N, C-alpha and C. Protein backbone atom coordinates (compact mmCIF):
# COMPACT_ATOMS: atom_id res chain seq x y z
N MET A 1 10.40 -18.60 19.93
CA MET A 1 10.41 -17.29 19.92
C MET A 1 10.41 -16.49 18.64
N SER A 2 9.88 -15.41 18.75
CA SER A 2 9.86 -14.55 17.43
C SER A 2 10.48 -13.40 17.46
N ILE A 3 11.41 -13.09 16.93
CA ILE A 3 11.88 -11.66 16.45
C ILE A 3 11.44 -10.60 15.63
N THR A 4 10.97 -9.75 16.08
CA THR A 4 10.63 -8.37 15.21
C THR A 4 11.39 -7.26 15.02
N SER A 5 11.89 -7.05 13.99
CA SER A 5 12.60 -6.22 13.33
C SER A 5 11.72 -4.70 13.44
N PRO A 6 12.30 -3.77 14.21
CA PRO A 6 11.71 -2.46 14.19
C PRO A 6 12.22 -1.59 12.72
N ASN A 7 13.11 -2.06 11.93
CA ASN A 7 13.20 -1.68 10.16
C ASN A 7 12.36 -2.55 9.26
N ARG A 8 11.89 -2.99 9.27
CA ARG A 8 10.87 -3.55 8.33
C ARG A 8 10.62 -2.67 6.87
N TYR A 9 11.01 -2.79 6.10
CA TYR A 9 10.62 -1.81 5.03
C TYR A 9 10.09 -2.80 3.47
N PRO A 10 9.08 -2.13 3.40
CA PRO A 10 8.47 -2.88 1.97
C PRO A 10 9.51 -2.71 0.95
N TYR A 11 9.34 -3.58 -0.29
CA TYR A 11 9.96 -3.28 -1.21
C TYR A 11 8.96 -3.79 -2.77
N GLU A 12 9.68 -3.21 -3.86
CA GLU A 12 9.13 -3.27 -4.91
C GLU A 12 10.05 -3.41 -5.98
N THR A 13 9.95 -4.63 -6.78
CA THR A 13 10.97 -4.54 -7.88
C THR A 13 10.57 -4.11 -9.42
N VAL A 14 11.79 -3.79 -10.00
CA VAL A 14 11.52 -2.84 -11.45
C VAL A 14 12.59 -3.90 -12.33
N ALA A 15 11.78 -4.37 -13.16
CA ALA A 15 12.65 -5.33 -14.25
C ALA A 15 13.26 -4.61 -15.30
N ALA A 16 14.11 -5.16 -16.07
CA ALA A 16 14.70 -4.56 -17.15
C ALA A 16 13.81 -4.06 -18.07
N SER A 17 14.43 -2.91 -18.78
CA SER A 17 13.88 -1.98 -19.78
C SER A 17 12.18 -1.35 -19.68
N GLN A 18 12.68 -0.90 -17.96
CA GLN A 18 11.31 -0.10 -17.60
C GLN A 18 11.28 1.54 -17.80
N THR A 19 10.50 2.33 -18.19
CA THR A 19 10.56 3.41 -18.12
C THR A 19 9.92 4.17 -16.92
N ALA A 20 10.33 5.00 -16.16
CA ALA A 20 9.71 5.64 -15.13
C ALA A 20 8.70 5.00 -14.48
N GLN A 21 9.22 3.74 -14.15
CA GLN A 21 7.87 2.89 -13.37
C GLN A 21 7.95 3.66 -11.89
N VAL A 22 6.66 4.25 -11.70
CA VAL A 22 6.31 4.51 -10.72
C VAL A 22 6.39 3.33 -9.42
N LEU A 23 7.30 3.53 -8.22
CA LEU A 23 7.30 3.21 -7.06
C LEU A 23 5.92 3.26 -6.28
N GLY A 24 5.28 2.50 -5.96
CA GLY A 24 3.90 1.96 -5.27
C GLY A 24 2.93 2.02 -6.27
N GLY A 25 1.88 2.30 -6.38
CA GLY A 25 0.79 1.96 -7.13
C GLY A 25 0.52 3.41 -7.63
N ALA A 26 0.45 4.46 -6.65
CA ALA A 26 0.44 5.61 -7.24
C ALA A 26 1.81 6.66 -7.16
N GLY A 27 1.96 6.41 -5.77
CA GLY A 27 3.30 7.44 -5.40
C GLY A 27 3.04 8.71 -5.13
N ALA A 28 3.45 9.30 -4.39
CA ALA A 28 3.32 10.83 -3.84
C ALA A 28 4.51 11.34 -3.21
N VAL A 29 4.32 12.63 -3.14
CA VAL A 29 5.39 13.55 -2.25
C VAL A 29 5.26 13.08 -1.12
N GLY A 30 6.47 12.89 -0.57
CA GLY A 30 6.77 12.28 0.99
C GLY A 30 6.97 11.15 1.00
N ASP A 31 7.00 10.06 -0.42
CA ASP A 31 7.40 8.68 -0.21
C ASP A 31 8.60 8.67 -0.05
N TYR A 32 9.31 7.67 0.77
CA TYR A 32 10.52 7.75 1.17
C TYR A 32 11.03 6.25 0.69
N LEU A 33 12.45 6.81 -0.09
CA LEU A 33 12.96 5.88 -0.84
C LEU A 33 14.49 5.51 0.20
N HIS A 34 14.31 4.20 0.67
CA HIS A 34 15.41 3.82 1.90
C HIS A 34 16.87 3.30 1.08
N ARG A 35 16.44 2.47 0.14
CA ARG A 35 17.94 2.00 -0.96
C ARG A 35 17.21 1.64 -1.60
N ILE A 36 18.23 1.44 -2.80
CA ILE A 36 18.12 0.77 -4.27
C ILE A 36 19.12 -0.41 -4.33
N VAL A 37 18.81 -1.56 -4.51
CA VAL A 37 19.81 -2.88 -4.69
C VAL A 37 19.73 -3.10 -6.29
N VAL A 38 20.72 -2.76 -6.81
CA VAL A 38 20.90 -2.68 -8.35
C VAL A 38 21.51 -4.03 -8.95
N THR A 39 21.03 -4.49 -9.78
CA THR A 39 21.78 -6.06 -10.19
C THR A 39 22.08 -5.68 -11.89
N VAL A 40 23.51 -5.52 -12.21
CA VAL A 40 23.83 -5.44 -13.64
C VAL A 40 24.10 -7.14 -14.28
N THR A 41 23.55 -7.05 -15.28
CA THR A 41 23.75 -8.33 -16.10
C THR A 41 24.45 -8.08 -17.33
N THR A 42 24.16 -7.09 -17.76
CA THR A 42 25.12 -6.77 -19.18
C THR A 42 25.45 -5.32 -18.95
N THR A 43 27.05 -5.35 -19.56
CA THR A 43 27.13 -4.19 -18.92
C THR A 43 27.13 -2.87 -19.90
N GLY A 44 27.07 -3.39 -21.06
CA GLY A 44 26.61 -2.30 -22.20
C GLY A 44 25.12 -1.73 -22.34
N THR A 45 24.66 -2.36 -21.50
CA THR A 45 22.90 -1.88 -21.31
C THR A 45 22.53 -1.91 -19.98
N SER A 46 23.51 -1.36 -18.93
CA SER A 46 23.48 -1.14 -17.59
C SER A 46 23.14 0.48 -17.17
N THR A 47 22.38 1.22 -18.02
CA THR A 47 21.79 2.20 -17.70
C THR A 47 20.95 2.34 -16.46
N LEU A 48 20.58 3.24 -15.67
CA LEU A 48 19.73 3.67 -14.76
C LEU A 48 19.72 4.92 -14.47
N SER A 49 18.22 5.17 -14.21
CA SER A 49 17.75 6.73 -13.74
C SER A 49 16.84 6.54 -12.44
N VAL A 50 17.02 7.41 -11.49
CA VAL A 50 16.12 7.42 -10.22
C VAL A 50 15.39 8.90 -10.56
N LEU A 51 14.58 8.93 -10.65
CA LEU A 51 13.68 10.28 -10.48
C LEU A 51 12.84 10.44 -9.44
N ASP A 52 12.85 11.91 -9.15
CA ASP A 52 11.45 12.41 -7.97
C ASP A 52 10.44 13.03 -9.08
N ASN A 53 9.72 12.36 -9.44
CA ASN A 53 8.62 12.68 -10.30
C ASN A 53 9.13 12.71 -11.56
N SER A 54 9.83 13.95 -12.06
CA SER A 54 10.33 14.41 -13.19
C SER A 54 11.84 14.76 -12.94
N THR A 55 12.29 15.12 -11.92
CA THR A 55 13.79 15.27 -11.59
C THR A 55 14.85 14.27 -11.55
N THR A 56 15.80 14.43 -12.10
CA THR A 56 16.47 12.86 -12.27
C THR A 56 17.57 13.55 -10.86
N VAL A 57 17.44 12.49 -9.67
CA VAL A 57 18.54 12.25 -8.71
C VAL A 57 19.49 11.54 -8.46
N LEU A 58 19.59 10.40 -9.28
CA LEU A 58 20.36 9.59 -9.56
C LEU A 58 20.69 8.91 -10.93
N THR A 59 22.04 8.83 -11.40
CA THR A 59 22.08 7.99 -12.80
C THR A 59 23.26 7.14 -12.74
N MET A 60 23.07 6.16 -13.47
CA MET A 60 24.08 4.83 -13.87
C MET A 60 24.39 4.84 -15.44
N ALA A 61 25.36 5.04 -15.32
CA ALA A 61 25.93 5.13 -16.96
C ALA A 61 26.10 3.54 -17.32
N ALA A 62 26.08 3.43 -19.10
CA ALA A 62 26.50 2.36 -19.42
C ALA A 62 27.71 1.87 -19.25
N ASN A 63 27.86 0.76 -19.44
CA ASN A 63 29.53 -0.15 -18.85
C ASN A 63 29.64 -0.44 -17.53
N THR A 64 28.76 -0.07 -16.77
CA THR A 64 29.03 -0.43 -15.33
C THR A 64 29.07 -1.64 -15.41
N PRO A 65 30.20 -2.49 -14.70
CA PRO A 65 30.46 -3.98 -14.57
C PRO A 65 29.35 -4.44 -14.12
N VAL A 66 29.44 -5.78 -14.36
CA VAL A 66 28.19 -6.76 -14.08
C VAL A 66 28.60 -6.95 -12.57
N GLY A 67 27.34 -7.20 -12.18
CA GLY A 67 27.47 -7.26 -10.38
C GLY A 67 26.30 -6.87 -9.72
N VAL A 68 26.48 -6.81 -8.23
CA VAL A 68 25.34 -6.07 -7.49
C VAL A 68 25.53 -5.02 -6.69
N TYR A 69 24.75 -3.73 -6.60
CA TYR A 69 25.35 -2.72 -6.25
C TYR A 69 24.14 -2.15 -5.09
N SER A 70 24.45 -1.98 -3.95
CA SER A 70 23.25 -1.42 -2.72
C SER A 70 23.72 -0.24 -2.89
N LEU A 71 22.75 0.86 -3.26
CA LEU A 71 22.68 2.37 -3.37
C LEU A 71 21.72 2.70 -2.30
N GLU A 72 22.62 3.31 -1.06
CA GLU A 72 22.02 4.01 -0.19
C GLU A 72 21.26 5.60 -0.60
N ILE A 73 19.71 6.08 -0.35
CA ILE A 73 19.04 7.15 -1.19
C ILE A 73 18.77 8.00 0.40
N ASN A 74 17.65 7.09 1.10
CA ASN A 74 17.39 7.85 2.53
C ASN A 74 16.93 9.30 2.06
N ALA A 75 15.83 9.42 1.42
CA ALA A 75 14.84 10.66 1.12
C ALA A 75 13.84 10.45 1.03
N ALA A 76 13.20 11.34 1.16
CA ALA A 76 11.85 11.60 0.93
C ALA A 76 11.31 12.62 -0.55
N SER A 77 10.77 11.89 -1.05
CA SER A 77 10.49 12.76 -2.56
C SER A 77 9.80 14.33 -2.24
N ALA A 78 10.35 15.14 -2.93
CA ALA A 78 9.95 16.16 -2.64
C ALA A 78 8.89 16.95 -3.63
N LEU A 79 8.73 16.25 -5.14
CA LEU A 79 8.32 16.62 -6.34
C LEU A 79 6.83 15.64 -6.41
N GLY A 80 6.98 14.42 -6.02
CA GLY A 80 5.70 13.41 -6.66
C GLY A 80 6.31 12.23 -6.49
N PRO A 81 5.97 11.10 -7.18
CA PRO A 81 6.25 9.70 -6.82
C PRO A 81 7.56 9.63 -7.10
N TRP A 82 8.48 8.53 -6.84
CA TRP A 82 9.71 7.82 -6.61
C TRP A 82 9.41 7.53 -8.05
N LYS A 83 10.19 7.52 -9.31
CA LYS A 83 10.15 6.54 -10.74
C LYS A 83 11.45 6.13 -10.77
N ILE A 84 11.46 5.09 -11.55
CA ILE A 84 13.22 4.50 -11.90
C ILE A 84 12.88 3.87 -13.37
N THR A 85 13.86 4.33 -14.07
CA THR A 85 14.12 3.79 -15.48
C THR A 85 15.31 3.04 -15.57
N THR A 86 15.23 1.54 -16.05
CA THR A 86 16.34 0.59 -16.15
C THR A 86 16.75 0.63 -17.87
N GLY A 87 18.00 0.31 -17.87
CA GLY A 87 18.12 -0.15 -19.42
C GLY A 87 17.96 -1.92 -19.43
N ALA A 88 18.54 -2.24 -20.43
CA ALA A 88 17.91 -3.86 -20.56
C ALA A 88 19.03 -4.78 -19.80
N GLY A 89 19.96 -4.30 -19.13
CA GLY A 89 20.84 -5.21 -18.44
C GLY A 89 20.91 -4.70 -17.00
N VAL A 90 19.93 -4.31 -16.26
CA VAL A 90 19.87 -3.79 -14.93
C VAL A 90 18.47 -4.05 -14.34
N THR A 91 18.43 -4.83 -13.28
CA THR A 91 17.17 -4.69 -12.42
C THR A 91 17.49 -4.03 -11.16
N VAL A 92 16.25 -3.71 -10.80
CA VAL A 92 16.20 -3.20 -9.35
C VAL A 92 14.97 -3.70 -8.15
N LEU A 93 15.53 -3.65 -7.07
CA LEU A 93 14.91 -3.56 -5.87
C LEU A 93 14.90 -2.53 -4.93
N ALA A 94 13.83 -1.94 -4.99
CA ALA A 94 13.63 -0.46 -4.37
C ALA A 94 13.08 -0.87 -3.00
N VAL A 95 13.78 -0.30 -1.77
CA VAL A 95 13.15 -0.93 -0.51
C VAL A 95 12.44 0.82 -0.14
N GLY A 96 11.54 0.66 0.56
CA GLY A 96 11.16 2.00 0.92
C GLY A 96 9.67 1.98 1.26
N PHE A 97 8.90 3.33 1.58
CA PHE A 97 7.41 3.24 1.87
C PHE A 97 7.15 4.35 0.75
N PHE A 98 6.02 3.51 -0.36
CA PHE A 98 5.31 3.89 -1.35
C PHE A 98 4.25 4.01 -1.25
N THR A 99 3.31 4.82 -1.57
CA THR A 99 2.07 5.15 -1.58
C THR A 99 1.49 4.25 -2.78
N ALA A 100 0.41 3.68 -2.31
CA ALA A 100 -0.25 2.69 -2.75
C ALA A 100 -1.51 3.34 -3.70
């Protein structure tokens, strides 16, 4: 028996030290960012920014403790593609629907 979930979301990874990585190949207004899973490996370089095109909608400061954080976003972009900037001590798994 196969079980199918109605809540399947694609995901994209964002490596450490990325600057304004577009989620999806092109990204677009209306793309949906459900959640980000943030892995902090080094506290001193744990900065993170989530942008709706050029508008910052979420930031995480340096010195965030080492760990894994699941942050609900549940928003559609209003201005353009979702973009994520990571410091050297942070990686992100972005879950949602993004324009290829």
